[in-house]
Amino acid sequence: MYQYNDFDEAFLRERVAQFRGQVERRIDGSLTEDEFKPLRLMNGLYLQLHAYMLRVAIPYGTLNARQMRQLARIARKWDKGYGHFTTRQNIQYNWPELKDVPEMLDALADVGMHAIQTSGNTIRNVTSDHFAGATADEVTDPRPYAELLRQWSTDHPEFQFLPRKFKVAVTGAEADRAVIRAHDIGLQIVEQDGEIGFRVFVGGGLGRTPMIGKVLRVFLPEADLLPYCEAIVSVYNLLGRRDNKYKARIKITVHENGIEEIRSRVETRFTEIRPQFSGVDQEWLDRIRAQFAAPDFARRDLTEFTVAYDSNPVFRSWVDTNVTAHKRDDHAIVSVSLKAPGQTPGDATSEQMEVLAALAESIGYDELRISHEQNVILPHVARADLPALFEALKEAGLGTANIGLVSDIIACPGMDYCALATARSIPIATEIAERFEELRLEHEIGPLKIKISGCINACGHHHVGHIGILGLDRAGVENYQITLGGSGAEDAVIGTRTGPGFAYDEIVPAIERLLMAYLDLREGPQETFLDAYRRLGMAPFKAALYETEAGDRADAA
């Protein structure tokens, strides 16, 4: 992984010193909250419902054991003993005191981490495939390109005050595990005639007006990555609307101007600025790439794994659900669930973070990943170590075998924390998980992505959930709309709203009716919920959702 150099270290320390002075002036009253707001947002500090919230960047989701251990220490010392991993591969601390934030930032800088550009109308944390560098299906590891983009975008003088926030994602495989088509810029590494390059998507985004990104360039040569991205953001910076924040994202710019006009402007701007990029960035890319070399994998005997897999059904269930094939047949990718039924999705205690750090050190080649699905990944684990890993995870409350199932729910913080939220997300997620654990149907239902947002901003990605749930305020009462058929994968599509929303106490029974109908309608266990929905359409699922209301109306008549 990327190691900070002297410039990086000096840059971070200077930023922390600047912010320390700004915090002191806010505390002594020299700065009002309105004056302080743009300064704190530049350093990832929000003012939420009950307290400040610090959002820390985990660039492209990669961190080592030392960094994870420091995140645990920060949670214990300056927060309430836990952190919340987000859909942007960040971690959020929800309860810091303002006076402590500079100390938290200094502690982050000690391990090469920061909170810069995790908020504000600028280029946010660059995200990537959480299996990057470990799977056999990728053209090449996307993280060196993500790091190059991070360095290019950090404190870029032209792009600190864009019309709206701007998000970039990179993947190296055809299978899209980074939701690139729902980003302002999505980059898919492809190979053409033996040359590495990028398929460039632009104008994706969720929120109030969800849109799937459109192809801007079918093939962009590797050497042109930075000038082409600069051309895109430059065009958006000029064209993007600043009169209405709800229409300020690049997706609206693309929609209002058309993809052909945007392409023409970007290509013109690219031609103008390409000579300014002398190729030094490619030399720097080679240095970055060297820091992402694969570990020195050790080949191990698989007897212990085979015996445990054949004899222990609980371990076998966990392997079948949480373990993904690695590019080496004697290793595996392990997804550690932060979604134990009854727990807040994405939360990890300081003790759990320390366990994960220790496991990464001892058997995980000192590497961890955070997924956009709010779980933690050990990307390189020898299969021989899986039985011991499973026992250690179970002891820490991290052994839940539910990756990709009903209870592996993406959920935003909702009204429990967020000042923008209009409904609760966390209680709905936990109640759904607990209900299907009680029914013992999770594995029978099979692969399913449920995503929940507590407001129209869609931080829970509900638009691209197989089942999406959006919590809204209706005359002071929480109301939950359901969408079906969404996907954030390579077949990305926005889900379709089923109809009227459900009250808080109705939403879990509605999801139960929906999934019971799926079990009745599917053509065998091999047909997933999404496949069944695509085959049958909305009608039978809508009938199941609203059957209780129809029966009540008939009884009343």
Protein backbone atom coordinates (compact mmCIF):
# COMPACT_ATOMS: atom_id res chain seq x y z
CA MET A 1 0.00 0.00 0.00
CA TYR A 2 1.04 3.62 -0.47
CA GLN A 3 3.53 4.93 2.11
CA TYR A 4 3.54 8.64 2.89
CA ASN A 5 6.76 10.51 2.09
CA ASP A 6 8.24 13.63 3.69
CA PHE A 7 6.03 15.92 1.60
CA ASP A 8 2.88 14.06 2.62
CA GLU A 9 3.87 14.19 6.28
CA ALA A 10 4.63 17.94 6.20
CA PHE A 11 1.42 18.65 4.30
CA LEU A 12 -0.72 16.84 6.87
CA ARG A 13 0.98 18.44 9.87
CA GLU A 14 0.52 21.89 8.38
CA ARG A 15 -3.17 21.25 7.78
CA VAL A 16 -3.66 20.03 11.34
CA ALA A 17 -1.86 23.09 12.73
CA GLN A 18 -4.06 25.39 10.67
CA PHE A 19 -7.21 23.67 11.84
CA ARG A 20 -6.07 23.68 15.45
CA GLY A 21 -5.93 27.48 15.31
CA GLN A 22 -9.35 27.63 13.66
CA VAL A 23 -10.86 25.42 16.38
CA GLU A 24 -9.35 27.58 19.10
CA ARG A 25 -10.91 30.67 17.51
CA ARG A 26 -14.29 28.95 17.28
CA ILE A 27 -14.15 27.93 20.94
CA ASP A 28 -13.19 31.40 22.16
CA GLY A 29 -15.90 32.99 20.01
CA SER A 30 -13.66 34.73 17.51
CA LEU A 31 -15.36 32.69 14.78
CA THR A 32 -19.12 32.19 14.55
CA GLU A 33 -20.48 28.79 13.55
CA ASP A 34 -21.30 30.18 10.10
CA GLU A 35 -17.72 31.41 9.70
CA PHE A 36 -16.34 28.14 11.04
CA LYS A 37 -18.49 25.88 8.84
CA PRO A 38 -16.46 26.06 5.58
CA LEU A 39 -13.24 25.62 7.56
CA ARG A 40 -14.42 22.51 9.39
CA LEU A 41 -15.90 20.98 6.25
CA MET A 42 -12.50 21.23 4.56
CA ASN A 43 -11.28 18.96 7.36
CA GLY A 44 -14.11 16.44 7.37
CA LEU A 45 -15.96 17.79 10.39
CA TYR A 46 -19.76 17.92 10.30
CA LEU A 47 -22.29 19.20 12.82
CA GLN A 48 -24.88 16.45 13.24
CA LEU A 49 -28.02 16.15 15.34
CA HIS A 50 -26.37 15.64 18.70
CA ALA A 51 -22.67 16.39 18.23
CA TYR A 52 -19.92 17.00 15.75
CA MET A 53 -19.02 14.09 13.46
CA LEU A 54 -15.54 13.50 12.04
CA ARG A 55 -15.36 11.62 8.74
CA VAL A 56 -11.96 10.02 8.11
CA ALA A 57 -10.81 8.99 4.63
CA ILE A 58 -9.72 5.44 3.94
CA PRO A 59 -8.55 5.97 0.35
CA TYR A 60 -9.76 3.19 -1.96
CA GLY A 61 -10.65 1.27 1.21
CA THR A 62 -7.09 0.10 1.98
CA LEU A 63 -5.41 0.21 5.38
CA ASN A 64 -2.88 -1.77 7.39
CA ALA A 65 -2.92 -3.16 10.91
CA ARG A 66 -1.19 -0.12 12.42
CA GLN A 67 -3.81 2.18 10.92
CA MET A 68 -6.73 0.01 12.04
CA ARG A 69 -5.27 -0.12 15.54
CA GLN A 70 -5.02 3.68 15.56
CA LEU A 71 -8.66 3.97 14.46
CA ALA A 72 -9.53 1.78 17.45
CA ARG A 73 -7.48 3.98 19.80
CA ILE A 74 -9.19 7.14 18.51
CA ALA A 75 -12.61 5.56 19.05
CA ARG A 76 -11.72 4.63 22.62
CA LYS A 77 -9.98 7.86 23.61
CA TRP A 78 -12.06 10.56 21.94
CA ASP A 79 -15.36 8.94 21.02
CA LYS A 80 -17.69 6.34 22.55
CA GLY A 81 -15.64 3.28 21.76
CA TYR A 82 -16.77 2.54 18.22
CA GLY A 83 -16.60 3.81 14.65
CA HIS A 84 -19.02 3.61 11.73
CA PHE A 85 -17.74 2.42 8.34
CA THR A 86 -19.59 4.06 5.45
CA THR A 87 -20.57 3.37 1.85
CA ARG A 88 -17.75 5.71 0.75
CA GLN A 89 -15.02 3.57 2.36
CA ASN A 90 -14.66 6.08 5.18
CA ILE A 91 -14.98 5.76 8.94
CA GLN A 92 -17.09 8.21 10.94
CA TYR A 93 -16.77 9.14 14.60
CA ASN A 94 -20.13 10.41 15.78
CA TRP A 95 -19.35 11.87 19.22
CA PRO A 96 -16.09 13.85 19.29
CA GLU A 97 -15.80 17.05 21.28
CA LEU A 98 -14.67 19.99 19.19
CA LYS A 99 -11.65 20.68 21.37
CA ASP A 100 -10.39 17.13 20.74
CA VAL A 101 -10.66 17.08 16.96
CA PRO A 102 -7.15 18.52 16.28
CA GLU A 103 -5.72 15.80 18.53
CA MET A 104 -7.66 13.19 16.57
CA LEU A 105 -6.29 14.58 13.30
CA ASP A 106 -2.75 14.52 14.70
CA ALA A 107 -3.25 10.90 15.73
CA LEU A 108 -4.44 10.10 12.20
CA ALA A 109 -1.40 11.84 10.70
CA ASP A 110 0.82 9.65 12.89
CA VAL A 111 -0.26 6.68 10.75
CA GLY A 112 -0.60 8.41 7.38
CA MET A 113 -4.33 9.10 7.53
CA HIS A 114 -6.46 12.25 7.34
CA ALA A 115 -9.95 13.71 6.94
CA ILE A 116 -9.19 16.08 4.05
CA GLN A 117 -11.88 16.38 1.35
CA THR A 118 -14.24 13.94 3.03
CA SER A 119 -16.81 16.74 2.89
CA GLY A 120 -17.47 19.95 1.01
CA ASN A 121 -17.99 20.71 -2.68
CA THR A 122 -14.75 19.15 -3.83
CA ILE A 123 -13.44 15.81 -5.11
CA ARG A 124 -14.14 13.35 -2.32
CA ASN A 125 -12.37 10.16 -1.21
CA VAL A 126 -11.57 8.08 -4.31
CA THR A 127 -13.11 4.62 -3.91
CA SER A 128 -12.34 1.28 -5.50
CA ASP A 129 -13.06 -2.44 -5.61
CA HIS A 130 -12.55 -3.87 -2.11
CA PHE A 131 -11.18 -7.10 -3.68
CA ALA A 132 -8.58 -5.18 -5.73
CA GLY A 133 -5.26 -6.96 -6.12
CA ALA A 134 -6.69 -10.25 -4.88
CA THR A 135 -9.10 -11.50 -7.54
CA ALA A 136 -8.30 -13.29 -10.77
CA ASP A 137 -10.95 -11.43 -12.78
CA GLU A 138 -9.27 -8.01 -12.81
CA VAL A 139 -7.20 -6.64 -15.67
CA THR A 140 -4.86 -5.04 -13.14
CA ASP A 141 -4.98 -3.65 -9.61
CA PRO A 142 -6.94 -0.35 -9.74
CA ARG A 143 -5.55 1.08 -6.50
CA PRO A 144 -2.39 2.70 -7.95
CA TYR A 145 -4.65 4.70 -10.27
CA ALA A 146 -6.94 5.58 -7.37
CA GLU A 147 -3.91 6.80 -5.40
CA LEU A 148 -2.72 8.86 -8.38
CA LEU A 149 -6.17 10.45 -8.59
CA ARG A 150 -6.16 11.11 -4.84
CA GLN A 151 -2.88 12.96 -5.06
CA TRP A 152 -3.97 14.91 -8.15
CA SER A 153 -7.26 15.98 -6.57
CA THR A 154 -6.05 16.83 -3.05
CA ASP A 155 -6.04 20.60 -2.64
CA HIS A 156 -6.31 21.04 -6.41
CA PRO A 157 -6.52 24.85 -6.65
CA GLU A 158 -9.21 24.87 -9.34
CA PHE A 159 -11.53 22.30 -7.78
CA GLN A 160 -11.94 23.25 -4.12
CA PHE A 161 -15.27 25.02 -4.66
CA LEU A 162 -17.14 23.01 -7.28
CA PRO A 163 -20.88 23.47 -7.84
CA ARG A 164 -21.39 20.36 -5.67
CA LYS A 165 -19.51 17.41 -4.20
CA PHE A 166 -17.77 15.15 -6.72
CA LYS A 167 -17.14 11.41 -6.41
CA VAL A 168 -14.80 9.14 -8.37
CA ALA A 169 -14.61 5.33 -8.33
CA VAL A 170 -12.19 2.94 -10.08
CA THR A 171 -12.45 -0.78 -10.75
CA GLY A 172 -10.15 -3.18 -12.51
CA ALA A 173 -12.65 -5.90 -13.39
CA GLU A 174 -15.69 -6.44 -15.56
CA ALA A 175 -17.64 -7.40 -12.44
CA ASP A 176 -18.40 -4.04 -10.86
CA ARG A 177 -17.82 -4.22 -7.11
CA ALA A 178 -17.27 -0.45 -6.83
CA VAL A 179 -20.64 0.84 -8.18
CA ILE A 180 -18.77 2.96 -10.72
CA ARG A 181 -21.91 3.73 -12.74
CA ALA A 182 -23.41 5.60 -9.78
CA HIS A 183 -20.46 8.01 -9.53
CA ASP A 184 -19.73 11.41 -11.04
CA ILE A 185 -16.79 9.75 -12.78
CA GLY A 186 -16.58 5.97 -12.98
CA LEU A 187 -13.44 4.34 -14.37
CA GLN A 188 -13.23 0.72 -15.49
CA ILE A 189 -9.78 -0.55 -16.40
CA VAL A 190 -9.90 -2.37 -19.74
CA GLU A 191 -7.41 -3.81 -22.18
CA GLN A 192 -7.51 -3.01 -25.90
CA ASP A 193 -5.02 -4.42 -28.38
CA GLY A 194 -2.65 -5.22 -25.54
CA GLU A 195 -2.83 -1.69 -24.10
CA ILE A 196 -4.17 -0.82 -20.65
CA GLY A 197 -6.71 1.99 -20.51
CA PHE A 198 -10.07 3.03 -19.12
CA ARG A 199 -13.72 2.97 -20.06
CA VAL A 200 -14.95 6.29 -18.71
CA PHE A 201 -18.45 6.79 -17.31
CA VAL A 202 -19.79 10.20 -16.33
CA GLY A 203 -22.92 11.60 -14.74
CA GLY A 204 -23.92 8.82 -12.39
CA GLY A 205 -25.37 9.55 -8.98
CA LEU A 206 -28.22 8.75 -6.64
CA GLY A 207 -29.96 11.16 -4.27
CA ARG A 208 -32.98 13.23 -5.25
CA THR A 209 -32.58 12.52 -8.99
CA PRO A 210 -30.96 9.09 -9.43
CA MET A 211 -29.15 8.43 -12.70
CA ILE A 212 -26.86 5.76 -14.11
CA GLY A 213 -23.64 7.08 -15.61
CA LYS A 214 -23.18 7.25 -19.37
CA VAL A 215 -20.13 6.15 -21.35
CA LEU A 216 -18.03 9.20 -22.18
CA ARG A 217 -15.02 7.37 -23.62
CA VAL A 218 -14.96 3.71 -24.65
CA PHE A 219 -11.18 3.61 -24.32
CA LEU A 220 -8.89 6.18 -22.71
CA PRO A 221 -5.16 5.38 -22.81
CA GLU A 222 -3.54 5.02 -19.41
CA ALA A 223 -1.22 7.99 -20.00
CA ASP A 224 -4.19 10.32 -20.48
CA LEU A 225 -5.96 9.54 -17.19
CA LEU A 226 -5.13 12.75 -15.31
CA PRO A 227 -5.59 15.29 -18.11
CA TYR A 228 -8.85 13.65 -19.17
CA CYS A 229 -10.25 13.65 -15.62
CA GLU A 230 -9.09 17.25 -15.26
CA ALA A 231 -10.94 18.10 -18.48
CA ILE A 232 -14.15 16.52 -17.17
CA VAL A 233 -14.05 18.34 -13.84
CA SER A 234 -13.04 21.60 -15.53
CA VAL A 235 -16.02 21.44 -17.90
CA TYR A 236 -18.34 20.64 -15.00
CA ASN A 237 -16.89 23.48 -12.92
CA LEU A 238 -17.89 25.93 -15.66
CA LEU A 239 -21.22 24.39 -16.72
CA GLY A 240 -22.51 23.06 -13.41
CA ARG A 241 -25.41 24.96 -11.91
CA ARG A 242 -24.80 27.05 -8.83
CA ASP A 243 -28.29 28.54 -8.60
CA ASN A 244 -29.91 25.39 -7.19
CA LYS A 245 -27.98 22.86 -5.10
CA TYR A 246 -30.49 20.15 -6.00
CA LYS A 247 -29.52 20.55 -9.66
CA ALA A 248 -25.82 21.15 -9.16
CA ARG A 249 -24.40 17.62 -9.56
CA ILE A 250 -22.72 16.66 -12.83
CA LYS A 251 -25.52 14.17 -13.53
CA ILE A 252 -27.86 17.14 -14.02
CA THR A 253 -25.24 18.92 -16.14
CA VAL A 254 -25.03 15.86 -18.41
CA HIS A 255 -28.82 15.51 -18.50
CA GLU A 256 -29.46 19.18 -19.34
CA ASN A 257 -26.71 19.47 -21.96
CA GLY A 258 -26.74 15.93 -23.37
CA ILE A 259 -23.87 13.45 -23.41
CA GLU A 260 -22.74 14.48 -26.92
CA GLU A 261 -22.34 18.13 -25.92
CA ILE A 262 -20.49 17.15 -22.76
CA ARG A 263 -18.24 14.82 -24.75
CA SER A 264 -17.46 17.58 -27.25
CA ARG A 265 -16.58 20.07 -24.52
CA VAL A 266 -14.47 17.55 -22.60
CA GLU A 267 -12.54 16.50 -25.69
CA THR A 268 -11.88 20.15 -26.58
CA ARG A 269 -10.69 20.94 -23.08
CA PHE A 270 -8.61 17.74 -23.02
CA THR A 271 -6.85 18.79 -26.23
CA GLU A 272 -6.05 22.18 -24.68
CA ILE A 273 -4.57 20.88 -21.42
CA ARG A 274 -2.97 17.60 -22.52
CA PRO A 275 0.38 19.32 -23.38
CA GLN A 276 0.58 20.60 -19.78
CA PHE A 277 0.96 17.01 -18.57
CA SER A 278 4.56 16.26 -19.44
CA GLY A 279 4.53 12.62 -18.46
CA VAL A 280 5.97 13.17 -14.97
CA ASP A 281 2.68 11.80 -13.63
CA GLN A 282 3.44 8.49 -15.38
CA GLU A 283 6.84 8.31 -13.73
CA TRP A 284 5.16 8.97 -10.43
CA LEU A 285 2.56 6.31 -11.23
CA ASP A 286 5.35 3.75 -11.62
CA ARG A 287 6.62 4.65 -8.14
CA ILE A 288 3.13 4.33 -6.72
CA ARG A 289 2.51 1.03 -8.49
CA ALA A 290 5.65 -0.45 -6.91
CA GLN A 291 4.13 0.13 -3.47
CA PHE A 292 1.12 -2.04 -4.36
CA ALA A 293 3.12 -5.14 -5.22
CA ALA A 294 1.51 -8.42 -4.15
CA PRO A 295 2.69 -9.92 -0.84
CA ASP A 296 5.23 -12.70 -0.79
CA PHE A 297 2.62 -15.45 -0.60
CA ALA A 298 3.56 -18.60 1.30
CA ARG A 299 2.18 -21.91 0.03
CA ARG A 300 0.62 -23.94 2.84
CA ASP A 301 -0.76 -27.44 3.26
CA LEU A 302 -4.57 -27.55 2.99
CA THR A 303 -5.22 -30.65 5.11
CA GLU A 304 -6.36 -28.75 8.21
CA PHE A 305 -8.75 -26.62 6.14
CA THR A 306 -10.21 -29.64 4.35
CA VAL A 307 -10.80 -31.53 7.60
CA ALA A 308 -12.50 -28.53 9.22
CA TYR A 309 -14.62 -27.85 6.14
CA ASP A 310 -15.80 -31.46 5.91
CA SER A 311 -16.46 -31.95 9.62
CA ASN A 312 -17.77 -28.59 10.89
CA PRO A 313 -21.05 -27.44 9.27
CA VAL A 314 -20.92 -24.03 10.96
CA PHE A 315 -17.44 -23.37 9.59
CA ARG A 316 -18.51 -24.70 6.18
CA SER A 317 -21.50 -22.33 6.10
CA TRP A 318 -19.22 -19.38 6.91
CA VAL A 319 -16.74 -20.36 4.20
CA ASP A 320 -19.48 -20.82 1.62
CA THR A 321 -20.99 -17.43 2.46
CA ASN A 322 -18.13 -15.13 3.47
CA VAL A 323 -15.12 -16.47 1.54
CA THR A 324 -14.41 -15.57 -2.09
CA ALA A 325 -11.97 -17.18 -4.51
CA HIS A 326 -8.50 -15.62 -4.58
CA LYS A 327 -6.23 -15.37 -7.61
CA ARG A 328 -4.17 -18.10 -5.89
CA ASP A 329 -5.94 -21.40 -5.26
CA ASP A 330 -4.29 -21.84 -1.84
CA HIS A 331 -5.48 -18.43 -0.60
CA ALA A 332 -8.86 -16.80 -0.10
CA ILE A 333 -10.53 -13.41 0.24
CA VAL A 334 -12.44 -13.15 3.51
CA SER A 335 -15.32 -10.74 4.04
CA VAL A 336 -15.84 -10.03 7.73
CA SER A 337 -19.44 -9.09 8.40
CA LEU A 338 -20.21 -5.98 10.47
CA LYS A 339 -23.90 -6.91 10.24
CA ALA A 340 -24.56 -9.37 13.06
CA PRO A 341 -28.37 -9.43 13.51
CA GLY A 342 -29.37 -6.80 16.04
CA GLN A 343 -26.21 -4.74 15.51
CA THR A 344 -25.92 -1.39 13.72
CA PRO A 345 -24.75 -2.05 10.14
CA GLY A 346 -21.21 -0.82 9.63
CA ASP A 347 -20.35 -0.25 13.29
CA ALA A 348 -17.23 -1.78 14.82
CA THR A 349 -16.10 -1.42 18.43
CA SER A 350 -12.55 -0.47 19.28
CA GLU A 351 -12.04 -4.01 20.57
CA GLN A 352 -13.22 -5.49 17.27
CA MET A 353 -10.97 -3.16 15.30
CA GLU A 354 -8.02 -4.30 17.41
CA VAL A 355 -8.88 -7.95 16.76
CA LEU A 356 -9.01 -7.27 13.02
CA ALA A 357 -5.66 -5.47 13.20
CA ALA A 358 -4.07 -8.39 15.05
CA LEU A 359 -5.45 -10.91 12.55
CA ALA A 360 -4.23 -8.83 9.62
CA GLU A 361 -0.78 -8.79 11.19
CA SER A 362 -0.64 -12.47 12.03
CA ILE A 363 -2.27 -14.12 9.00
CA GLY A 364 -3.47 -11.38 6.61
CA TYR A 365 -0.18 -10.02 5.22
CA ASP A 366 -0.82 -6.76 7.11
CA GLU A 367 -3.64 -5.64 4.86
CA LEU A 368 -7.33 -4.81 5.37
CA ARG A 369 -10.01 -3.31 3.19
CA ILE A 370 -13.26 -1.49 3.87
CA SER A 371 -16.03 -2.27 1.40
CA HIS A 372 -18.72 0.14 0.19
CA GLU A 373 -21.11 -2.43 1.67
CA GLN A 374 -19.84 -1.51 5.16
CA ASN A 375 -17.89 -4.68 5.87
CA VAL A 376 -14.19 -5.36 6.46
CA ILE A 377 -12.15 -7.49 4.07
CA LEU A 378 -9.02 -9.56 4.67
CA PRO A 379 -7.95 -9.77 1.01
CA HIS A 380 -5.14 -12.31 1.39
CA VAL A 381 -5.61 -15.27 3.75
CA ALA A 382 -4.03 -18.70 3.31
CA ARG A 383 -6.81 -21.31 3.22
CA ALA A 384 -4.88 -23.23 5.85
CA ASP A 385 -5.50 -20.35 8.27
CA LEU A 386 -9.25 -20.11 7.72
CA PRO A 387 -10.29 -22.41 10.62
CA ALA A 388 -8.25 -20.41 13.15
CA LEU A 389 -9.44 -17.14 11.63
CA PHE A 390 -13.07 -18.19 11.94
CA GLU A 391 -12.67 -19.08 15.62
CA ALA A 392 -11.00 -15.74 16.37
CA LEU A 393 -13.73 -13.82 14.53
CA LYS A 394 -16.49 -15.72 16.35
CA GLU A 395 -14.97 -14.87 19.71
CA ALA A 396 -14.97 -11.17 18.75
CA GLY A 397 -18.59 -11.23 17.54
CA LEU A 398 -17.45 -11.00 13.92
CA GLY A 399 -18.20 -14.51 12.70
CA THR A 400 -21.64 -13.93 11.21
CA ALA A 401 -22.09 -15.90 7.98
CA ASN A 402 -24.34 -13.51 6.09
CA ILE A 403 -22.35 -11.74 3.36
CA GLY A 404 -24.70 -10.97 0.48
CA LEU A 405 -27.78 -12.23 2.34
CA VAL A 406 -30.86 -10.55 3.84
CA SER A 407 -29.18 -9.24 6.98
CA ASP A 408 -26.12 -7.88 5.13
CA ILE A 409 -27.99 -4.59 4.78
CA ILE A 410 -26.48 -1.29 3.72
CA ALA A 411 -27.94 1.45 5.92
CA CYS A 412 -27.15 5.12 6.40
CA PRO A 413 -27.08 6.51 9.98
CA GLY A 414 -30.56 7.98 9.45
CA MET A 415 -32.35 10.06 12.02
CA ASP A 416 -30.40 8.54 14.90
CA TYR A 417 -27.45 10.75 13.94
CA CYS A 418 -27.88 12.71 10.72
CA ALA A 419 -29.28 16.26 10.71
CA LEU A 420 -30.57 15.77 7.15
CA ALA A 421 -32.43 12.51 7.77
CA THR A 422 -36.22 12.42 7.81
CA ALA A 423 -36.63 8.85 9.09
CA ARG A 424 -34.78 6.14 10.97
CA SER A 425 -32.66 3.63 9.05
CA ILE A 426 -30.73 1.70 11.68
CA PRO A 427 -33.75 0.33 13.60
CA ILE A 428 -35.38 -0.83 10.36
CA ALA A 429 -32.19 -2.63 9.31
CA THR A 430 -31.79 -4.33 12.67
CA GLU A 431 -35.45 -5.39 12.84
CA ILE A 432 -35.33 -6.91 9.34
CA ALA A 433 -32.16 -8.81 10.24
CA GLU A 434 -33.61 -10.06 13.52
CA ARG A 435 -36.89 -11.12 11.89
CA PHE A 436 -35.23 -13.25 9.23
CA GLU A 437 -32.83 -14.75 11.76
CA GLU A 438 -35.92 -15.75 13.74
CA LEU A 439 -37.52 -17.28 10.61
CA ARG A 440 -34.25 -19.10 9.70
CA LEU A 441 -34.85 -18.24 6.04
CA GLU A 442 -31.79 -16.16 5.21
CA HIS A 443 -29.79 -18.89 3.46
CA GLU A 444 -32.94 -20.26 1.82
CA ILE A 445 -33.63 -16.84 0.28
CA GLY A 446 -30.05 -16.58 -0.95
CA PRO A 447 -28.27 -13.60 -2.55
CA LEU A 448 -30.13 -10.36 -1.89
CA LYS A 449 -29.09 -6.74 -1.50
CA ILE A 450 -31.33 -4.66 0.75
CA LYS A 451 -30.33 -1.00 1.04
CA ILE A 452 -31.91 1.60 3.30
CA SER A 453 -31.69 5.41 3.28
CA GLY A 454 -33.18 7.73 5.87
CA CYS A 455 -33.70 10.60 3.44
CA ILE A 456 -33.75 11.52 -0.23
CA ASN A 457 -29.95 12.02 -0.27
CA ALA A 458 -29.65 8.23 -0.61
CA CYS A 459 -26.48 7.64 1.41
CA GLY A 460 -27.73 4.06 1.83
CA HIS A 461 -27.78 3.56 -1.97
CA HIS A 462 -31.42 2.41 -1.83
CA HIS A 463 -31.98 3.21 -5.52
CA VAL A 464 -29.64 0.37 -6.56
CA GLY A 465 -30.80 -2.18 -4.02
CA HIS A 466 -32.56 -5.34 -5.17
CA ILE A 467 -34.93 -4.12 -2.49
CA GLY A 468 -34.54 -0.44 -1.68
CA ILE A 469 -36.14 1.29 1.29
CA LEU A 470 -36.40 5.09 1.51
CA GLY A 471 -37.55 6.68 4.76
CA LEU A 472 -39.41 9.99 4.42
CA ASP A 473 -41.38 12.35 6.61
CA ARG A 474 -45.09 12.49 5.83
CA ALA A 475 -46.80 15.15 7.95
CA GLY A 476 -44.52 14.37 10.89
CA VAL A 477 -44.83 10.59 10.52
CA GLU A 478 -42.14 8.24 9.20
CA ASN A 479 -43.13 6.65 5.91
CA TYR A 480 -41.06 4.07 4.03
CA GLN A 481 -41.17 3.67 0.25
CA ILE A 482 -40.01 0.45 -1.38
CA THR A 483 -38.24 0.11 -4.73
CA LEU A 484 -37.53 -3.19 -6.46
CA GLY A 485 -35.12 -4.39 -9.13
CA GLY A 486 -32.23 -1.99 -8.63
CA SER A 487 -28.60 -2.99 -9.13
CA GLY A 488 -25.27 -1.26 -8.57
CA ALA A 489 -23.29 -3.90 -10.43
CA GLU A 490 -22.18 -4.01 -14.06
CA ASP A 491 -25.88 -4.32 -15.00
CA ALA A 492 -26.63 -1.14 -13.06
CA VAL A 493 -30.23 0.05 -13.02
CA ILE A 494 -32.39 2.25 -10.80
CA GLY A 495 -35.08 0.37 -8.88
CA THR A 496 -38.78 0.96 -9.52
CA ARG A 497 -41.06 2.29 -6.80
CA THR A 498 -43.78 -0.17 -5.84
CA GLY A 499 -46.45 2.29 -4.73
CA PRO A 500 -47.55 3.96 -1.48
CA GLY A 501 -45.15 3.84 1.44
CA PHE A 502 -45.49 1.95 4.71
CA ALA A 503 -45.58 3.16 8.29
CA TYR A 504 -42.69 2.34 10.60
CA ASP A 505 -44.48 -0.63 12.15
CA GLU A 506 -45.57 -1.91 8.73
CA ILE A 507 -42.30 -1.98 6.82
CA VAL A 508 -40.79 -5.18 8.27
CA PRO A 509 -43.99 -7.23 7.72
CA ALA A 510 -44.11 -5.81 4.17
CA ILE A 511 -40.57 -7.04 3.46
CA GLU A 512 -41.52 -10.43 4.92
CA ARG A 513 -44.54 -10.72 2.60
CA LEU A 514 -42.38 -9.72 -0.34
CA LEU A 515 -39.76 -12.39 0.31
CA MET A 516 -42.30 -15.08 1.11
CA ALA A 517 -43.85 -14.35 -2.28
CA TYR A 518 -40.43 -14.68 -3.89
CA LEU A 519 -39.92 -18.12 -2.34
CA ASP A 520 -43.28 -19.21 -3.79
CA LEU A 521 -42.64 -17.69 -7.23
CA ARG A 522 -39.03 -18.59 -7.97
CA GLU A 523 -38.05 -21.38 -10.34
CA GLY A 524 -35.92 -23.23 -7.86
CA PRO A 525 -33.20 -22.16 -5.39
CA GLN A 526 -30.86 -21.15 -8.21
CA GLU A 527 -33.10 -18.23 -9.22
CA THR A 528 -32.19 -15.18 -7.14
CA PHE A 529 -34.67 -12.53 -6.06
CA LEU A 530 -33.35 -10.14 -8.70
CA ASP A 531 -33.58 -12.79 -11.42
CA ALA A 532 -37.15 -13.63 -10.40
CA TYR A 533 -38.13 -9.97 -10.41
CA ARG A 534 -36.65 -9.50 -13.88
CA ARG A 535 -38.48 -12.57 -15.16
CA LEU A 536 -41.87 -11.82 -13.61
CA GLY A 537 -41.97 -8.05 -13.41
CA MET A 538 -43.46 -5.90 -10.69
CA ALA A 539 -47.05 -7.22 -10.58
CA PRO A 540 -46.79 -10.35 -8.37
CA PHE A 541 -44.46 -8.66 -5.91
CA LYS A 542 -46.63 -5.58 -5.67
CA ALA A 543 -49.66 -7.81 -5.04
CA ALA A 544 -47.81 -9.47 -2.16
CA LEU A 545 -46.73 -6.14 -0.68
CA TYR A 546 -50.19 -4.64 -0.60
CA GLU A 547 -52.30 -7.75 0.04
CA THR A 548 -52.90 -6.87 3.69
CA GLU A 549 -54.13 -3.39 2.80
CA ALA A 550 -56.41 -4.85 0.12
CA GLY A 551 -57.81 -7.33 2.63
CA ASP A 552 -58.44 -4.58 5.18
CA ARG A 553 -60.34 -2.53 2.59
CA ALA A 554 -62.44 -5.57 1.63
CA ASP A 555 -63.25 -6.25 5.28
CA ALA A 556 -64.25 -2.62 5.80
CA ALA A 557 -66.57 -2.75 2.77
